[in-house]
């Protein structure tokens, strides 16, 4: 998937996922749903899209129902002034 062709809203949500993985090492669907007022299926779709863009950045932890940062993690959306 080409990052340049994402809608603003989707790019913002993917940047949020990238930020939380970088800063905290984990993220779950409820974090996305709460912050952006999304449905669970939409959050799942966003995680799948992020996984397509940054294939080695996160792995699913089915026990705790979270996604965890991998050792190969590299920011897919580099920091820029005024953004997450």
Foldseek 3Di string as FASTA:
>chain_A
DDLVPDDPVLNQLLLVVLVCCVPPFKDAQVVSCVVVVDDSVVSVVSVVVNCVQVVQQWDADVVVRMIGGDPPHDRSDDDDPPGD
